[in-house]
Amino acid sequence: MTQEFSTCDLCDLHKDDSSGAFRVLPPIFRDFGGQLRFAGPVSTVKCFEDNSLVKAALDEPGQRRVLVVDGGASLRRALVGGNLGAAAARNGWAGVVVHGCVRDVAELAACDVGIRAMAAVPLPTEKRNAGQRDVAVQIDGVWVRPGDWLYADADGMVVMPAPT
């Protein structure tokens, strides 16, 4: 079902789930990439105003995964820009979700990959090689774990442990 899905339909299917396995990300994200609908298994990066690990991840083969970046909701520095958006598309990532900011908005819109973030800001990050990869992250109180499946469309984003 990864190609044809509706987050609304997925919510209808799982509306009685009380286990916490089915999660809805908060509606705080905007679309920036060339693909508005995307889905795939999750890989994560946790970092704050340093995108060194984001770059390292997006330079690897994406294998249709979705990179979820917990940037601590910082609105001060952009964790993904045009070069990283192009790398994500070139390397086969399905999407990138940034709990923080992006930049190079026109370049990101031309990338054949889903990109969601809270906002755009022109200031780049510092490079300190700080952060963690493939750890559980919390996005506004919602847990996202490596290996979860993320589905994104015009209505929002949902996360669950296995593909539907």
C-alpha atoms as a PDB file:
ATOM      1  CA  MET A   1       0.000   0.000   0.000  1.00  0.00           C
ATOM      2  CA  THR A   2       2.992   2.317   0.070  1.00  0.00           C
ATOM      3  CA  GLN A   3       2.178   3.798  -3.370  1.00  0.00           C
ATOM      4  CA  GLU A   4      -1.590   4.220  -3.003  1.00  0.00           C
ATOM      5  CA  PHE A   5      -2.545   5.462   0.447  1.00  0.00           C
ATOM      6  CA  SER A   6      -4.451   8.192   2.189  1.00  0.00           C
ATOM      7  CA  THR A   7      -3.467   9.338   5.662  1.00  0.00           C
ATOM      8  CA  CYS A   8      -7.183   9.957   6.314  1.00  0.00           C
ATOM      9  CA  ASP A   9      -7.973   6.340   5.397  1.00  0.00           C
ATOM     10  CA  LEU A  10      -5.105   5.127   7.584  1.00  0.00           C
ATOM     11  CA  CYS A  11      -6.472   7.197  10.482  1.00  0.00           C
ATOM     12  CA  ASP A  12      -9.949   5.715   9.914  1.00  0.00           C
ATOM     13  CA  LEU A  13      -8.469   2.199   9.984  1.00  0.00           C
ATOM     14  CA  HIS A  14      -6.538   2.852  13.195  1.00  0.00           C
ATOM     15  CA  LYS A  15      -8.851   5.302  14.997  1.00  0.00           C
ATOM     16  CA  ASP A  16      -9.538   2.823  17.797  1.00  0.00           C
ATOM     17  CA  ASP A  17      -5.853   1.963  18.325  1.00  0.00           C
ATOM     18  CA  SER A  18      -5.096   2.622  21.970  1.00  0.00           C
ATOM     19  CA  SER A  19      -1.704   0.920  21.966  1.00  0.00           C
ATOM     20  CA  GLY A  20       0.208   3.975  20.759  1.00  0.00           C
ATOM     21  CA  ALA A  21       1.527   2.039  17.771  1.00  0.00           C
ATOM     22  CA  PHE A  22      -0.308   4.322  15.312  1.00  0.00           C
ATOM     23  CA  ARG A  23       0.743   7.958  15.673  1.00  0.00           C
ATOM     24  CA  VAL A  24      -0.179  11.197  13.915  1.00  0.00           C
ATOM     25  CA  LEU A  25       2.480  13.891  13.644  1.00  0.00           C
ATOM     26  CA  PRO A  26       1.313  17.380  14.613  1.00  0.00           C
ATOM     27  CA  PRO A  27       0.249  19.735  11.791  1.00  0.00           C
ATOM     28  CA  ILE A  28       3.271  22.014  12.159  1.00  0.00           C
ATOM     29  CA  PHE A  29       5.027  21.086   8.899  1.00  0.00           C
ATOM     30  CA  ARG A  30       5.011  22.722   5.468  1.00  0.00           C
ATOM     31  CA  ASP A  31       5.795  21.096   2.119  1.00  0.00           C
ATOM     32  CA  PHE A  32       9.053  22.195   0.496  1.00  0.00           C
ATOM     33  CA  GLY A  33      10.012  19.312  -1.832  1.00  0.00           C
ATOM     34  CA  GLY A  34       8.859  18.312  -5.286  1.00  0.00           C
ATOM     35  CA  GLN A  35       6.875  15.293  -4.019  1.00  0.00           C
ATOM     36  CA  LEU A  36       3.830  16.014  -1.866  1.00  0.00           C
ATOM     37  CA  ARG A  37       3.057  12.332  -1.196  1.00  0.00           C
ATOM     38  CA  PHE A  38       5.715   9.953   0.086  1.00  0.00           C
ATOM     39  CA  ALA A  39       6.109   6.946   2.343  1.00  0.00           C
ATOM     40  CA  GLY A  40       8.801   4.603   3.527  1.00  0.00           C
ATOM     41  CA  PRO A  41      10.685   3.115   6.448  1.00  0.00           C
ATOM     42  CA  VAL A  42      12.160   5.663   8.842  1.00  0.00           C
ATOM     43  CA  SER A  43      15.780   6.471   9.526  1.00  0.00           C
ATOM     44  CA  THR A  44      16.484   9.214  12.076  1.00  0.00           C
ATOM     45  CA  VAL A  45      18.973  11.912  12.946  1.00  0.00           C
ATOM     46  CA  LYS A  46      18.891  13.877  16.182  1.00  0.00           C
ATOM     47  CA  CYS A  47      20.882  17.104  16.022  1.00  0.00           C
ATOM     48  CA  PHE A  48      20.726  20.759  17.014  1.00  0.00           C
ATOM     49  CA  GLU A  49      21.819  23.483  14.608  1.00  0.00           C
ATOM     50  CA  ASP A  50      24.443  21.149  13.102  1.00  0.00           C
ATOM     51  CA  ASN A  51      23.558  19.198   9.955  1.00  0.00           C
ATOM     52  CA  SER A  52      26.753  17.116   9.681  1.00  0.00           C
ATOM     53  CA  LEU A  53      24.890  13.849  10.330  1.00  0.00           C
ATOM     54  CA  VAL A  54      21.995  14.893   8.061  1.00  0.00           C
ATOM     55  CA  LYS A  55      24.472  15.333   5.205  1.00  0.00           C
ATOM     56  CA  ALA A  56      26.134  11.994   5.984  1.00  0.00           C
ATOM     57  CA  ALA A  57      22.759  10.224   5.927  1.00  0.00           C
ATOM     58  CA  LEU A  58      21.505  11.839   2.708  1.00  0.00           C
ATOM     59  CA  ASP A  59      24.795  11.070   0.948  1.00  0.00           C
ATOM     60  CA  GLU A  60      24.076   7.344   1.487  1.00  0.00           C
ATOM     61  CA  PRO A  61      21.708   5.228  -0.634  1.00  0.00           C
ATOM     62  CA  GLY A  62      18.226   6.086   0.591  1.00  0.00           C
ATOM     63  CA  GLN A  63      16.520   2.863  -0.521  1.00  0.00           C
ATOM     64  CA  ARG A  64      13.157   4.753  -0.502  1.00  0.00           C
ATOM     65  CA  ARG A  65      13.494   5.519   3.212  1.00  0.00           C
ATOM     66  CA  VAL A  66      12.266   8.660   4.973  1.00  0.00           C
ATOM     67  CA  LEU A  67      14.836  10.571   7.015  1.00  0.00           C
ATOM     68  CA  VAL A  68      13.232  12.115  10.097  1.00  0.00           C
ATOM     69  CA  VAL A  69      15.442  14.861  11.526  1.00  0.00           C
ATOM     70  CA  ASP A  70      14.814  15.961  15.102  1.00  0.00           C
ATOM     71  CA  GLY A  71      16.347  19.411  14.996  1.00  0.00           C
ATOM     72  CA  GLY A  72      14.903  20.406  18.347  1.00  0.00           C
ATOM     73  CA  ALA A  73      12.372  22.693  16.576  1.00  0.00           C
ATOM     74  CA  SER A  74      15.087  25.318  16.141  1.00  0.00           C
ATOM     75  CA  LEU A  75      13.981  28.200  13.944  1.00  0.00           C
ATOM     76  CA  ARG A  76      17.464  29.753  13.899  1.00  0.00           C
ATOM     77  CA  ARG A  77      19.410  27.600  11.399  1.00  0.00           C
ATOM     78  CA  ALA A  78      18.474  25.516   8.356  1.00  0.00           C
ATOM     79  CA  LEU A  79      19.285  21.800   8.564  1.00  0.00           C
ATOM     80  CA  VAL A  80      18.515  21.041   4.886  1.00  0.00           C
ATOM     81  CA  GLY A  81      19.157  23.207   1.828  1.00  0.00           C
ATOM     82  CA  GLY A  82      19.285  22.826  -1.922  1.00  0.00           C
ATOM     83  CA  ASN A  83      22.436  20.690  -2.004  1.00  0.00           C
ATOM     84  CA  LEU A  84      21.089  18.200   0.535  1.00  0.00           C
ATOM     85  CA  GLY A  85      17.679  18.136  -1.154  1.00  0.00           C
ATOM     86  CA  ALA A  86      19.384  17.277  -4.434  1.00  0.00           C
ATOM     87  CA  ALA A  87      21.464  14.583  -2.677  1.00  0.00           C
ATOM     88  CA  ALA A  88      18.301  13.069  -1.170  1.00  0.00           C
ATOM     89  CA  ALA A  89      16.645  12.879  -4.589  1.00  0.00           C
ATOM     90  CA  ARG A  90      19.772  11.595  -6.341  1.00  0.00           C
ATOM     91  CA  ASN A  91      20.386   8.911  -3.709  1.00  0.00           C
ATOM     92  CA  GLY A  92      16.852   7.516  -3.699  1.00  0.00           C
ATOM     93  CA  TRP A  93      15.351   8.846  -0.466  1.00  0.00           C
ATOM     94  CA  ALA A  94      11.536   8.958  -0.446  1.00  0.00           C
ATOM     95  CA  GLY A  95      11.397  11.925   1.898  1.00  0.00           C
ATOM     96  CA  VAL A  96      12.958  14.117   4.544  1.00  0.00           C
ATOM     97  CA  VAL A  97      11.006  15.453   7.531  1.00  0.00           C
ATOM     98  CA  VAL A  98      12.765  18.210   9.482  1.00  0.00           C
ATOM     99  CA  HIS A  99      11.621  19.235  12.950  1.00  0.00           C
ATOM    100  CA  GLY A 100      13.306  22.552  12.309  1.00  0.00           C
ATOM    101  CA  CYS A 101      14.094  24.666   9.250  1.00  0.00           C
ATOM    102  CA  VAL A 102      15.218  24.392   5.645  1.00  0.00           C
ATOM    103  CA  ARG A 103      16.601  26.932   3.168  1.00  0.00           C
ATOM    104  CA  ASP A 104      16.982  27.336  -0.621  1.00  0.00           C
ATOM    105  CA  VAL A 105      13.217  26.983  -0.999  1.00  0.00           C
ATOM    106  CA  ALA A 106      13.159  27.272  -4.814  1.00  0.00           C
ATOM    107  CA  GLU A 107      15.875  24.610  -5.135  1.00  0.00           C
ATOM    108  CA  LEU A 108      14.045  22.260  -2.753  1.00  0.00           C
ATOM    109  CA  ALA A 109      10.819  22.601  -4.751  1.00  0.00           C
ATOM    110  CA  ALA A 110      12.694  21.333  -7.829  1.00  0.00           C
ATOM    111  CA  CYS A 111      13.914  18.183  -6.016  1.00  0.00           C
ATOM    112  CA  ASP A 112      12.101  14.924  -6.791  1.00  0.00           C
ATOM    113  CA  VAL A 113      11.711  14.022  -3.118  1.00  0.00           C
ATOM    114  CA  GLY A 114       9.266  14.809  -0.334  1.00  0.00           C
ATOM    115  CA  ILE A 115      10.591  17.470   2.042  1.00  0.00           C
ATOM    116  CA  ARG A 116       8.683  18.784   5.036  1.00  0.00           C
ATOM    117  CA  ALA A 117       9.883  21.236   7.655  1.00  0.00           C
ATOM    118  CA  MET A 118       8.486  23.772  10.078  1.00  0.00           C
ATOM    119  CA  ALA A 119       9.745  26.855   8.224  1.00  0.00           C
ATOM    120  CA  ALA A 120      12.459  28.327   6.033  1.00  0.00           C
ATOM    121  CA  VAL A 121      15.363  30.399   7.330  1.00  0.00           C
ATOM    122  CA  PRO A 122      18.427  31.444   5.293  1.00  0.00           C
ATOM    123  CA  LEU A 123      21.133  30.899   7.946  1.00  0.00           C
ATOM    124  CA  PRO A 124      23.125  27.641   7.538  1.00  0.00           C
ATOM    125  CA  THR A 125      24.215  25.402  10.389  1.00  0.00           C
ATOM    126  CA  GLU A 126      27.548  25.123  12.097  1.00  0.00           C
ATOM    127  CA  LYS A 127      29.525  21.944  11.423  1.00  0.00           C
ATOM    128  CA  ARG A 128      30.543  20.244  14.675  1.00  0.00           C
ATOM    129  CA  ASN A 129      29.794  16.591  13.803  1.00  0.00           C
ATOM    130  CA  ALA A 130      27.416  16.561  16.779  1.00  0.00           C
ATOM    131  CA  GLY A 131      24.246  14.526  17.077  1.00  0.00           C
ATOM    132  CA  GLN A 132      22.994  10.939  16.910  1.00  0.00           C
ATOM    133  CA  ARG A 133      21.811   8.617  14.141  1.00  0.00           C
ATOM    134  CA  ASP A 134      19.088   6.012  14.153  1.00  0.00           C
ATOM    135  CA  VAL A 135      17.810   6.705  17.659  1.00  0.00           C
ATOM    136  CA  ALA A 136      14.190   7.149  18.757  1.00  0.00           C
ATOM    137  CA  VAL A 137      13.221  10.820  18.483  1.00  0.00           C
ATOM    138  CA  GLN A 138      10.298  12.823  19.769  1.00  0.00           C
ATOM    139  CA  ILE A 139       8.582  15.278  17.437  1.00  0.00           C
ATOM    140  CA  ASP A 140       6.354  17.540  19.552  1.00  0.00           C
ATOM    141  CA  GLY A 141       5.648  14.649  21.921  1.00  0.00           C
ATOM    142  CA  VAL A 142       5.179  11.996  19.211  1.00  0.00           C
ATOM    143  CA  TRP A 143       7.737   9.186  19.186  1.00  0.00           C
ATOM    144  CA  VAL A 144       9.293   8.201  15.861  1.00  0.00           C
ATOM    145  CA  ARG A 145      11.628   5.217  15.801  1.00  0.00           C
ATOM    146  CA  PRO A 146      14.030   3.845  13.210  1.00  0.00           C
ATOM    147  CA  GLY A 147      12.220   1.182  11.207  1.00  0.00           C
ATOM    148  CA  ASP A 148       8.759   2.723  11.714  1.00  0.00           C
ATOM    149  CA  TRP A 149       6.846   3.528   8.523  1.00  0.00           C
ATOM    150  CA  LEU A 150       5.957   7.125   7.787  1.00  0.00           C
ATOM    151  CA  TYR A 151       3.185   8.108   5.367  1.00  0.00           C
ATOM    152  CA  ALA A 152       2.810  11.719   4.202  1.00  0.00           C
ATOM    153  CA  ASP A 153       0.204  13.319   1.961  1.00  0.00           C
ATOM    154  CA  ALA A 154      -1.721  16.591   1.711  1.00  0.00           C
ATOM    155  CA  ASP A 155      -3.656  15.816   4.897  1.00  0.00           C
ATOM    156  CA  GLY A 156      -0.669  15.179   7.147  1.00  0.00           C
ATOM    157  CA  MET A 157       1.773  12.552   8.330  1.00  0.00           C
ATOM    158  CA  VAL A 158       1.250   9.320  10.239  1.00  0.00           C
ATOM    159  CA  VAL A 159       3.701   6.811  11.673  1.00  0.00           C
ATOM    160  CA  MET A 160       3.222   3.120  12.447  1.00  0.00           C
ATOM    161  CA  PRO A 161       5.472   0.142  13.181  1.00  0.00           C
ATOM    162  CA  ALA A 162       4.901  -1.748   9.903  1.00  0.00           C
ATOM    163  CA  PRO A 163       3.780  -0.951   6.366  1.00  0.00           C
ATOM    164  CA  THR A 164       0.096  -1.183   5.573  1.00  0.00           C
END
